[in-house]
Amino acid sequence: MVTRSTVALATTANTARLFVAALAFTAAYVGASAYDTAASAPARTVTPPARTAAGAAPAPPVARPGTVRLGPPAVEAGCVSTHEAAAVAVNPTPGRTAFYTWRLTRWTPRTGTWRTHLVSHGGFAAAERTITWNPTITGSAGRYRVELAVTGAATVSSPRFQVTC
């Protein structure tokens, strides 16, 4: 009697471990596949919105197909600013999921390169979708730009902008 219970418990424990391992592997595979396929985006122009004559900030950015827009930053206490980027992402293969990646990159004068500062991933299954991203920069003055990469298309970069504290 004791032997059967011990064998049953050992089998159940092994089954549970195998199930958890299979779930972990599947999650890692799906995540890696999504990340690898989000390496490019449609060519887009990026235009910051103009301010009104009174100096008031315009409404949030409205993107059209073929453009990426940056809204005015929301500056908070200290050296904290939240920026808004908007784009109409076009799915190059309608009927399939299009993955995209937003990147906030920072200019590094020492190396003369743009280095990734923040990243956000997403996806959609429509022919096109308006997507927005609101990266927050905290205590890090410098020159930045926003990049959008959509599956199966070229990467797009915004104009660079300066963050000061």
N, C-alpha and C. Protein backbone atom coordinates (compact mmCIF):
# COMPACT_ATOMS: atom_id res chain seq x y z
N MET A 1 0.81 -1.18 0.00
CA MET A 1 0.00 0.00 0.00
C MET A 1 0.87 1.25 0.00
N VAL A 2 1.88 1.29 0.87
CA VAL A 2 2.76 2.44 0.95
C VAL A 2 3.54 2.60 -0.35
N THR A 3 3.96 1.50 -0.95
CA THR A 3 4.74 1.55 -2.17
C THR A 3 3.92 2.14 -3.31
N ARG A 4 2.67 1.77 -3.46
CA ARG A 4 1.82 2.32 -4.51
C ARG A 4 1.62 3.82 -4.33
N SER A 5 1.42 4.28 -3.12
CA SER A 5 1.22 5.71 -2.87
C SER A 5 2.48 6.49 -3.20
N THR A 6 3.64 5.96 -2.82
CA THR A 6 4.91 6.62 -3.09
C THR A 6 5.14 6.72 -4.60
N VAL A 7 4.87 5.65 -5.34
CA VAL A 7 5.05 5.64 -6.79
C VAL A 7 4.08 6.62 -7.44
N ALA A 8 2.84 6.65 -6.97
CA ALA A 8 1.85 7.56 -7.54
C ALA A 8 2.25 9.01 -7.29
N LEU A 9 2.73 9.32 -6.10
CA LEU A 9 3.17 10.69 -5.80
C LEU A 9 4.40 11.07 -6.62
N ALA A 10 5.35 10.16 -6.77
CA ALA A 10 6.55 10.44 -7.56
C ALA A 10 6.18 10.67 -9.02
N THR A 11 5.25 9.88 -9.55
CA THR A 11 4.83 10.05 -10.94
C THR A 11 4.11 11.38 -11.13
N THR A 12 3.26 11.75 -10.19
CA THR A 12 2.55 13.02 -10.27
C THR A 12 3.52 14.19 -10.20
N ALA A 13 4.50 14.12 -9.32
CA ALA A 13 5.49 15.18 -9.19
C ALA A 13 6.31 15.32 -10.47
N ASN A 14 6.72 14.19 -11.07
CA ASN A 14 7.48 14.24 -12.32
C ASN A 14 6.64 14.82 -13.45
N THR A 15 5.37 14.44 -13.50
CA THR A 15 4.47 14.96 -14.53
C THR A 15 4.32 16.47 -14.37
N ALA A 16 4.16 16.93 -13.15
CA ALA A 16 4.03 18.37 -12.90
C ALA A 16 5.30 19.10 -13.32
N ARG A 17 6.46 18.56 -13.00
CA ARG A 17 7.73 19.20 -13.39
C ARG A 17 7.86 19.27 -14.91
N LEU A 18 7.52 18.19 -15.59
CA LEU A 18 7.59 18.18 -17.05
C LEU A 18 6.61 19.19 -17.65
N PHE A 19 5.43 19.31 -17.09
CA PHE A 19 4.44 20.26 -17.57
C PHE A 19 4.94 21.69 -17.40
N VAL A 20 5.49 22.01 -16.24
CA VAL A 20 6.03 23.36 -16.00
C VAL A 20 7.20 23.64 -16.93
N ALA A 21 8.06 22.67 -17.14
CA ALA A 21 9.20 22.85 -18.05
C ALA A 21 8.71 23.09 -19.48
N ALA A 22 7.69 22.35 -19.89
CA ALA A 22 7.15 22.53 -21.24
C ALA A 22 6.53 23.92 -21.40
N LEU A 23 5.82 24.39 -20.39
CA LEU A 23 5.26 25.74 -20.43
C LEU A 23 6.36 26.80 -20.51
N ALA A 24 7.41 26.63 -19.72
CA ALA A 24 8.51 27.60 -19.73
C ALA A 24 9.19 27.61 -21.10
N PHE A 25 9.41 26.45 -21.68
CA PHE A 25 10.04 26.38 -23.00
C PHE A 25 9.16 27.05 -24.05
N THR A 26 7.86 26.75 -24.02
CA THR A 26 6.93 27.34 -24.99
C THR A 26 6.91 28.86 -24.87
N ALA A 27 6.85 29.37 -23.64
CA ALA A 27 6.85 30.82 -23.43
C ALA A 27 8.14 31.45 -23.93
N ALA A 28 9.27 30.82 -23.67
CA ALA A 28 10.55 31.35 -24.14
C ALA A 28 10.61 31.33 -25.66
N TYR A 29 10.13 30.26 -26.29
CA TYR A 29 10.15 30.15 -27.74
C TYR A 29 9.28 31.22 -28.38
N VAL A 30 8.06 31.39 -27.88
CA VAL A 30 7.14 32.39 -28.43
C VAL A 30 7.72 33.78 -28.24
N GLY A 31 8.28 34.07 -27.07
CA GLY A 31 8.88 35.38 -26.83
C GLY A 31 10.06 35.64 -27.74
N ALA A 32 10.92 34.65 -27.93
CA ALA A 32 12.08 34.83 -28.82
C ALA A 32 11.62 35.00 -30.26
N SER A 33 10.61 34.25 -30.69
CA SER A 33 10.11 34.39 -32.05
C SER A 33 9.53 35.78 -32.28
N ALA A 34 8.77 36.27 -31.31
CA ALA A 34 8.19 37.60 -31.45
C ALA A 34 9.27 38.66 -31.49
N TYR A 35 10.31 38.52 -30.66
CA TYR A 35 11.38 39.50 -30.62
C TYR A 35 12.17 39.47 -31.93
N ASP A 36 12.48 38.28 -32.43
CA ASP A 36 13.27 38.17 -33.66
C ASP A 36 12.52 38.71 -34.88
N THR A 37 11.20 38.53 -34.93
CA THR A 37 10.47 38.99 -36.09
C THR A 37 10.15 40.48 -36.03
N ALA A 38 10.42 41.13 -34.91
CA ALA A 38 10.10 42.55 -34.78
C ALA A 38 11.32 43.42 -35.07
N ALA A 39 12.08 43.07 -36.10
CA ALA A 39 13.34 43.76 -36.35
C ALA A 39 13.29 44.79 -37.47
N SER A 40 12.13 45.07 -38.07
CA SER A 40 12.07 46.04 -39.16
C SER A 40 10.71 46.73 -39.20
N ALA A 41 10.57 47.84 -39.98
CA ALA A 41 9.29 48.57 -40.04
C ALA A 41 9.14 49.33 -41.34
N PRO A 42 7.89 49.68 -41.74
CA PRO A 42 7.70 50.42 -42.99
C PRO A 42 8.39 51.78 -42.93
N ALA A 43 8.91 52.22 -44.08
CA ALA A 43 9.55 53.52 -44.13
C ALA A 43 8.52 54.60 -43.83
N ARG A 44 8.81 55.45 -42.88
CA ARG A 44 7.90 56.50 -42.45
C ARG A 44 8.68 57.79 -42.27
N THR A 45 8.00 58.89 -42.48
CA THR A 45 8.60 60.17 -42.14
C THR A 45 8.10 60.57 -40.78
N VAL A 46 8.90 61.28 -40.05
CA VAL A 46 8.55 61.68 -38.69
C VAL A 46 8.55 63.19 -38.65
N THR A 47 7.44 63.77 -38.20
CA THR A 47 7.30 65.21 -38.16
C THR A 47 6.77 65.65 -36.81
N PRO A 48 7.51 66.48 -36.06
CA PRO A 48 6.97 66.96 -34.80
C PRO A 48 5.86 67.96 -35.07
N PRO A 49 4.81 67.99 -34.23
CA PRO A 49 3.72 68.92 -34.44
C PRO A 49 4.14 70.35 -34.15
N ALA A 50 3.52 71.31 -34.85
CA ALA A 50 3.84 72.72 -34.64
C ALA A 50 3.07 73.24 -33.44
N ARG A 51 3.62 74.24 -32.77
CA ARG A 51 2.92 74.88 -31.66
C ARG A 51 2.01 75.98 -32.20
N THR A 52 0.98 76.29 -31.46
CA THR A 52 0.07 77.34 -31.88
C THR A 52 0.72 78.70 -31.66
N ALA A 53 0.13 79.75 -32.22
CA ALA A 53 0.69 81.10 -32.10
C ALA A 53 0.81 81.53 -30.65
N ALA A 54 -0.11 81.09 -29.79
CA ALA A 54 -0.07 81.48 -28.38
C ALA A 54 0.92 80.64 -27.59
N GLY A 55 1.55 79.69 -28.24
CA GLY A 55 2.53 78.84 -27.57
C GLY A 55 1.92 77.64 -26.87
N ALA A 56 0.63 77.45 -26.98
CA ALA A 56 -0.03 76.32 -26.34
C ALA A 56 0.32 75.04 -27.08
N ALA A 57 0.37 73.96 -26.35
CA ALA A 57 0.69 72.68 -26.96
C ALA A 57 -0.50 72.21 -27.79
N PRO A 58 -0.25 71.62 -28.97
CA PRO A 58 -1.33 71.10 -29.79
C PRO A 58 -1.93 69.84 -29.17
N ALA A 59 -3.00 69.37 -29.76
CA ALA A 59 -3.62 68.12 -29.30
C ALA A 59 -2.62 66.97 -29.48
N PRO A 60 -2.88 65.83 -28.86
CA PRO A 60 -1.97 64.69 -29.03
C PRO A 60 -1.73 64.41 -30.51
N PRO A 61 -0.58 63.82 -30.83
CA PRO A 61 -0.25 63.60 -32.23
C PRO A 61 -1.25 62.69 -32.92
N VAL A 62 -1.60 63.05 -34.14
CA VAL A 62 -2.47 62.24 -34.97
C VAL A 62 -1.63 61.78 -36.15
N ALA A 63 -1.50 60.50 -36.29
CA ALA A 63 -0.66 59.96 -37.35
C ALA A 63 -1.51 59.59 -38.56
N ARG A 64 -0.92 59.69 -39.72
CA ARG A 64 -1.53 59.25 -40.97
C ARG A 64 -0.67 58.10 -41.49
N PRO A 65 -1.23 57.27 -42.35
CA PRO A 65 -0.38 56.23 -42.94
C PRO A 65 0.84 56.88 -43.59
N GLY A 66 2.00 56.34 -43.34
CA GLY A 66 3.23 56.88 -43.90
C GLY A 66 3.91 57.89 -43.02
N THR A 67 3.39 58.15 -41.81
CA THR A 67 4.03 59.12 -40.92
C THR A 67 4.09 58.60 -39.49
N VAL A 68 5.03 59.13 -38.75
CA VAL A 68 5.12 58.92 -37.31
C VAL A 68 5.18 60.31 -36.71
N ARG A 69 4.39 60.57 -35.71
CA ARG A 69 4.33 61.90 -35.10
C ARG A 69 4.77 61.86 -33.65
N LEU A 70 5.43 62.92 -33.24
CA LEU A 70 5.80 63.10 -31.84
C LEU A 70 4.97 64.21 -31.25
N GLY A 71 4.42 63.99 -30.08
CA GLY A 71 3.66 65.01 -29.38
C GLY A 71 4.59 65.79 -28.46
N PRO A 72 4.10 66.87 -27.88
CA PRO A 72 4.92 67.64 -26.96
C PRO A 72 5.15 66.84 -25.67
N PRO A 73 6.31 67.00 -25.04
CA PRO A 73 6.57 66.24 -23.82
C PRO A 73 5.76 66.78 -22.64
N ALA A 74 5.42 65.90 -21.74
CA ALA A 74 4.81 66.29 -20.47
C ALA A 74 5.94 66.30 -19.45
N VAL A 75 6.32 67.49 -18.99
CA VAL A 75 7.45 67.63 -18.07
C VAL A 75 6.93 67.62 -16.65
N GLU A 76 7.53 66.81 -15.81
CA GLU A 76 7.13 66.68 -14.42
C GLU A 76 8.24 67.23 -13.52
N ALA A 77 8.03 67.18 -12.21
CA ALA A 77 9.02 67.66 -11.25
C ALA A 77 10.34 66.92 -11.42
N GLY A 78 11.43 67.62 -11.14
CA GLY A 78 12.74 67.01 -11.30
C GLY A 78 13.09 66.89 -12.77
N CYS A 79 13.81 65.89 -13.10
CA CYS A 79 14.20 65.67 -14.50
C CYS A 79 13.42 64.48 -15.05
N VAL A 80 12.09 64.63 -15.12
CA VAL A 80 11.22 63.57 -15.62
C VAL A 80 10.37 64.15 -16.75
N SER A 81 10.39 63.49 -17.90
CA SER A 81 9.54 63.92 -19.01
C SER A 81 8.99 62.69 -19.72
N THR A 82 7.70 62.79 -20.07
CA THR A 82 7.03 61.72 -20.80
C THR A 82 6.73 62.23 -22.19
N HIS A 83 7.11 61.46 -23.19
CA HIS A 83 6.95 61.84 -24.59
C HIS A 83 5.91 60.93 -25.22
N GLU A 84 5.20 61.44 -26.22
CA GLU A 84 4.20 60.63 -26.91
C GLU A 84 4.58 60.49 -28.37
N ALA A 85 4.62 59.25 -28.82
CA ALA A 85 4.86 58.94 -30.23
C ALA A 85 3.64 58.21 -30.75
N ALA A 86 3.23 58.53 -31.98
CA ALA A 86 2.08 57.86 -32.60
C ALA A 86 2.41 57.54 -34.05
N ALA A 87 1.88 56.42 -34.52
CA ALA A 87 2.10 56.01 -35.90
C ALA A 87 0.96 55.14 -36.36
N VAL A 88 0.73 55.15 -37.66
CA VAL A 88 -0.18 54.18 -38.26
C VAL A 88 0.71 53.09 -38.83
N ALA A 89 0.69 51.94 -38.20
CA ALA A 89 1.51 50.82 -38.65
C ALA A 89 0.70 50.01 -39.66
N VAL A 90 1.30 49.74 -40.79
CA VAL A 90 0.65 48.97 -41.85
C VAL A 90 1.21 47.55 -41.80
N ASN A 91 0.32 46.58 -41.75
CA ASN A 91 0.71 45.18 -41.72
C ASN A 91 1.06 44.74 -43.13
N PRO A 92 2.33 44.39 -43.40
CA PRO A 92 2.72 43.99 -44.75
C PRO A 92 2.11 42.65 -45.18
N THR A 93 1.63 41.85 -44.22
CA THR A 93 0.98 40.58 -44.54
C THR A 93 -0.36 40.51 -43.81
N PRO A 94 -1.39 41.23 -44.32
CA PRO A 94 -2.70 41.20 -43.66
C PRO A 94 -3.18 39.76 -43.49
N GLY A 95 -3.85 39.52 -42.40
CA GLY A 95 -4.29 38.16 -42.09
C GLY A 95 -3.33 37.43 -41.18
N ARG A 96 -2.14 37.98 -41.00
CA ARG A 96 -1.15 37.43 -40.08
C ARG A 96 -0.82 38.50 -39.05
N THR A 97 -0.30 38.10 -37.93
CA THR A 97 0.06 39.06 -36.89
C THR A 97 1.31 39.84 -37.29
N ALA A 98 1.24 41.14 -37.14
CA ALA A 98 2.41 41.99 -37.37
C ALA A 98 2.94 42.39 -36.00
N PHE A 99 4.20 42.15 -35.77
CA PHE A 99 4.84 42.53 -34.51
C PHE A 99 5.59 43.83 -34.73
N TYR A 100 5.63 44.65 -33.69
CA TYR A 100 6.37 45.91 -33.79
C TYR A 100 7.15 46.16 -32.51
N THR A 101 8.17 47.00 -32.65
CA THR A 101 9.01 47.38 -31.52
C THR A 101 9.22 48.89 -31.54
N TRP A 102 8.92 49.52 -30.43
CA TRP A 102 9.28 50.93 -30.22
C TRP A 102 10.61 50.93 -29.49
N ARG A 103 11.49 51.85 -29.86
CA ARG A 103 12.76 52.04 -29.15
C ARG A 103 12.98 53.52 -28.91
N LEU A 104 13.39 53.85 -27.72
CA LEU A 104 13.86 55.19 -27.41
C LEU A 104 15.37 55.07 -27.38
N THR A 105 16.05 55.76 -28.29
CA THR A 105 17.51 55.66 -28.35
C THR A 105 18.13 56.98 -27.93
N ARG A 106 19.31 56.90 -27.37
CA ARG A 106 20.03 58.07 -26.87
C ARG A 106 21.37 58.18 -27.59
N TRP A 107 21.72 59.39 -27.99
CA TRP A 107 22.98 59.64 -28.68
C TRP A 107 24.12 59.57 -27.68
N THR A 108 25.17 58.83 -28.06
CA THR A 108 26.37 58.72 -27.23
C THR A 108 27.51 59.40 -27.98
N PRO A 109 27.86 60.64 -27.58
CA PRO A 109 28.90 61.37 -28.31
C PRO A 109 30.26 60.65 -28.30
N ARG A 110 30.57 59.97 -27.21
CA ARG A 110 31.87 59.30 -27.10
C ARG A 110 32.07 58.27 -28.21
N THR A 111 31.00 57.51 -28.52
CA THR A 111 31.12 56.47 -29.56
C THR A 111 30.51 56.90 -30.89
N GLY A 112 29.75 58.01 -30.88
CA GLY A 112 29.11 58.47 -32.11
C GLY A 112 28.01 57.54 -32.58
N THR A 113 27.28 56.92 -31.63
CA THR A 113 26.22 55.98 -31.98
C THR A 113 24.96 56.24 -31.17
N TRP A 114 23.84 55.73 -31.70
CA TRP A 114 22.58 55.76 -30.97
C TRP A 114 22.48 54.45 -30.20
N ARG A 115 22.24 54.55 -28.89
CA ARG A 115 22.15 53.36 -28.04
C ARG A 115 20.75 53.25 -27.47
N THR A 116 20.23 52.04 -27.42
CA THR A 116 18.87 51.80 -26.93
C THR A 116 18.78 52.18 -25.46
N HIS A 117 17.75 52.98 -25.13
CA HIS A 117 17.51 53.45 -23.77
C HIS A 117 16.27 52.75 -23.18
N LEU A 118 15.18 52.66 -23.95
CA LEU A 118 13.95 51.97 -23.56
C LEU A 118 13.40 51.21 -24.76
N VAL A 119 12.67 50.11 -24.49
CA VAL A 119 12.08 49.30 -25.56
C VAL A 119 10.68 48.87 -25.15
N SER A 120 9.78 48.80 -26.12
CA SER A 120 8.43 48.27 -25.90
C SER A 120 8.03 47.46 -27.13
N HIS A 121 7.43 46.29 -26.90
CA HIS A 121 7.02 45.40 -27.99
C HIS A 121 5.50 45.28 -28.03
N GLY A 122 4.97 45.00 -29.20
CA GLY A 122 3.54 44.77 -29.34
C GLY A 122 3.25 44.09 -30.65
N GLY A 123 1.97 43.91 -30.92
CA GLY A 123 1.57 43.29 -32.17
C GLY A 123 0.10 43.54 -32.43
N PHE A 124 -0.32 43.30 -33.67
CA PHE A 124 -1.71 43.45 -34.05
C PHE A 124 -1.98 42.56 -35.25
N ALA A 125 -3.27 42.26 -35.48
CA ALA A 125 -3.63 41.34 -36.57
C ALA A 125 -4.56 41.99 -37.58
N ALA A 126 -4.54 43.30 -37.68
CA ALA A 126 -5.37 44.02 -38.65
C ALA A 126 -4.51 44.44 -39.83
N ALA A 127 -5.14 45.00 -40.86
CA ALA A 127 -4.40 45.49 -42.03
C ALA A 127 -3.53 46.69 -41.65
N GLU A 128 -4.07 47.55 -40.76
CA GLU A 128 -3.29 48.66 -40.21
C GLU A 128 -3.87 49.04 -38.86
N ARG A 129 -3.04 49.69 -38.05
CA ARG A 129 -3.48 50.06 -36.72
C ARG A 129 -2.72 51.30 -36.28
N THR A 130 -3.42 52.23 -35.63
CA THR A 130 -2.75 53.38 -35.02
C THR A 130 -2.20 52.92 -33.68
N ILE A 131 -0.91 53.08 -33.50
CA ILE A 131 -0.27 52.67 -32.26
C ILE A 131 0.40 53.88 -31.62
N THR A 132 0.40 53.92 -30.31
CA THR A 132 1.05 55.01 -29.58
C THR A 132 1.97 54.42 -28.53
N TRP A 133 2.92 55.23 -28.12
CA TRP A 133 3.87 54.84 -27.08
C TRP A 133 4.21 56.08 -26.29
N ASN A 134 4.32 55.95 -24.97
CA ASN A 134 4.63 57.07 -24.09
C ASN A 134 5.84 56.75 -23.23
N PRO A 135 7.05 56.86 -23.79
CA PRO A 135 8.24 56.58 -22.98
C PRO A 135 8.50 57.72 -21.99
N THR A 136 8.94 57.36 -20.80
CA THR A 136 9.28 58.34 -19.78
C THR A 136 10.79 58.34 -19.58
N ILE A 137 11.38 59.52 -19.63
CA ILE A 137 12.82 59.69 -19.41
C ILE A 137 12.98 60.30 -18.03
N THR A 138 13.76 59.65 -17.18
CA THR A 138 13.94 60.09 -15.80
C THR A 138 15.42 60.38 -15.52
N GLY A 139 15.72 61.63 -15.20
CA GLY A 139 17.07 62.01 -14.76
C GLY A 139 18.17 61.72 -15.75
N SER A 140 17.91 61.84 -17.03
CA SER A 140 18.94 61.51 -18.01
C SER A 140 18.87 62.50 -19.17
N ALA A 141 19.46 63.67 -18.97
CA ALA A 141 19.49 64.69 -20.03
C ALA A 141 20.31 64.17 -21.20
N GLY A 142 19.94 64.59 -22.39
CA GLY A 142 20.69 64.18 -23.57
C GLY A 142 19.85 64.33 -24.82
N ARG A 143 20.40 63.83 -25.92
CA ARG A 143 19.73 63.87 -27.22
C ARG A 143 19.12 62.49 -27.49
N TYR A 144 17.86 62.46 -27.86
CA TYR A 144 17.12 61.22 -28.06
C TYR A 144 16.42 61.20 -29.40
N ARG A 145 15.94 60.01 -29.78
CA ARG A 145 15.02 59.85 -30.89
C ARG A 145 14.20 58.58 -30.64
N VAL A 146 13.03 58.50 -31.27
CA VAL A 146 12.16 57.34 -31.15
C VAL A 146 12.24 56.57 -32.46
N GLU A 147 12.34 55.25 -32.36
CA GLU A 147 12.38 54.40 -33.55
C GLU A 147 11.22 53.42 -33.50
N LEU A 148 10.64 53.15 -34.66
CA LEU A 148 9.58 52.15 -34.78
C LEU A 148 10.00 51.11 -35.80
N ALA A 149 9.90 49.86 -35.41
CA ALA A 149 10.21 48.75 -36.32
C ALA A 149 8.99 47.84 -36.38
N VAL A 150 8.50 47.57 -37.59
CA VAL A 150 7.36 46.67 -37.81
C VAL A 150 7.85 45.49 -38.64
N THR A 151 7.34 44.31 -38.32
CA THR A 151 7.71 43.10 -39.04
C THR A 151 7.65 43.29 -40.56
N GLY A 152 8.71 42.94 -41.25
CA GLY A 152 8.70 42.93 -42.70
C GLY A 152 8.86 44.28 -43.37
N ALA A 153 9.29 45.29 -42.66
CA ALA A 153 9.44 46.62 -43.25
C ALA A 153 10.64 47.33 -42.63
N ALA A 154 10.98 48.48 -43.18
CA ALA A 154 12.16 49.23 -42.72
C ALA A 154 11.89 49.93 -41.39
N THR A 155 12.93 50.18 -40.63
CA THR A 155 12.84 50.90 -39.36
C THR A 155 12.74 52.39 -39.63
N VAL A 156 11.93 53.07 -38.83
CA VAL A 156 11.70 54.51 -38.97
C VAL A 156 12.22 55.20 -37.72
N SER A 157 12.85 56.36 -37.91
CA SER A 157 13.35 57.13 -36.77
C SER A 157 12.72 58.51 -36.75
N SER A 158 12.42 59.00 -35.57
CA SER A 158 11.89 60.34 -35.41
C SER A 158 13.03 61.35 -35.52
N PRO A 159 12.70 62.62 -35.63
CA PRO A 159 13.76 63.61 -35.50
C PRO A 159 14.32 63.53 -34.08
N ARG A 160 15.55 63.90 -33.93
CA ARG A 160 16.13 63.87 -32.58
C ARG A 160 15.57 65.04 -31.78
N PHE A 161 15.54 64.86 -30.46
CA PHE A 161 15.07 65.92 -29.58
C PHE A 161 15.95 65.95 -28.34
N GLN A 162 16.03 67.11 -27.72
CA GLN A 162 16.91 67.33 -26.58
C GLN A 162 16.10 67.28 -25.29
N VAL A 163 16.59 66.56 -24.29
CA VAL A 163 16.00 66.54 -22.96
C VAL A 163 16.98 67.24 -22.04
N THR A 164 16.50 68.28 -21.35
CA THR A 164 17.34 69.01 -20.41
C THR A 164 16.72 68.98 -19.03
N CYS A 165 17.55 69.11 -18.03
CA CYS A 165 17.06 69.11 -16.64
C CYS A 165 17.22 70.49 -16.03
